[in-house]
Amino acid sequence: MRKINIFLKDITESGGGERVCANLANAFCLDYEVE
């Protein structure tokens, strides 16, 4: 969860569009795989 939070903050600060979606999908995919 910590990694996801940091990722989210990083993404929000960057302020991307498609990139944010892709990063979020990757982050969630990794989180689900780990869990």
C-alpha atoms as a PDB file:
ATOM      1  CA  MET A   1       0.000   0.000   0.000  1.00  0.00           C
ATOM      2  CA  ARG A   2       2.832   2.351   0.785  1.00  0.00           C
ATOM      3  CA  LYS A   3       4.307   1.868  -2.676  1.00  0.00           C
ATOM      4  CA  ILE A   4       0.922   2.532  -4.287  1.00  0.00           C
ATOM      5  CA  ASN A   5       0.476   5.705  -2.225  1.00  0.00           C
ATOM      6  CA  ILE A   6       3.887   7.013  -3.234  1.00  0.00           C
ATOM      7  CA  PHE A   7       3.147   6.073  -6.837  1.00  0.00           C
ATOM      8  CA  LEU A   8      -0.181   7.917  -6.687  1.00  0.00           C
ATOM      9  CA  LYS A   9       1.450  11.039  -5.242  1.00  0.00           C
ATOM     10  CA  ASP A  10       4.165  10.899  -7.887  1.00  0.00           C
ATOM     11  CA  ILE A  11       1.586  10.514 -10.652  1.00  0.00           C
ATOM     12  CA  THR A  12      -0.597  13.309  -9.295  1.00  0.00           C
ATOM     13  CA  GLU A  13       2.371  15.671  -9.081  1.00  0.00           C
ATOM     14  CA  SER A  14       3.415  14.811 -12.625  1.00  0.00           C
ATOM     15  CA  GLY A  15      -0.139  15.472 -13.784  1.00  0.00           C
ATOM     16  CA  GLY A  16      -0.287  13.158 -16.794  1.00  0.00           C
ATOM     17  CA  GLY A  17      -3.323  11.791 -18.607  1.00  0.00           C
ATOM     18  CA  GLU A  18      -2.862   8.472 -20.369  1.00  0.00           C
ATOM     19  CA  ARG A  19       0.369   7.946 -18.475  1.00  0.00           C
ATOM     20  CA  VAL A  20      -1.454   8.137 -15.151  1.00  0.00           C
ATOM     21  CA  CYS A  21      -3.935   5.479 -16.254  1.00  0.00           C
ATOM     22  CA  ALA A  22      -1.140   3.200 -17.443  1.00  0.00           C
ATOM     23  CA  ASN A  23       0.863   3.688 -14.239  1.00  0.00           C
ATOM     24  CA  LEU A  24      -2.221   3.103 -12.099  1.00  0.00           C
ATOM     25  CA  ALA A  25      -3.048  -0.079 -13.985  1.00  0.00           C
ATOM     26  CA  ASN A  26       0.520  -1.316 -13.551  1.00  0.00           C
ATOM     27  CA  ALA A  27       0.550  -0.429  -9.851  1.00  0.00           C
ATOM     28  CA  PHE A  28      -2.749  -2.216  -9.237  1.00  0.00           C
ATOM     29  CA  CYS A  29      -1.608  -5.213 -11.290  1.00  0.00           C
ATOM     30  CA  LEU A  30       1.533  -5.497  -9.167  1.00  0.00           C
ATOM     31  CA  ASP A  31      -0.461  -5.064  -5.971  1.00  0.00           C
ATOM     32  CA  TYR A  32      -2.904  -7.790  -6.962  1.00  0.00           C
ATOM     33  CA  GLU A  33      -0.071 -10.101  -7.995  1.00  0.00           C
ATOM     34  CA  VAL A  34       1.677  -9.605  -4.649  1.00  0.00           C
ATOM     35  CA  GLU A  35      -1.537 -10.155  -2.686  1.00  0.00           C
END
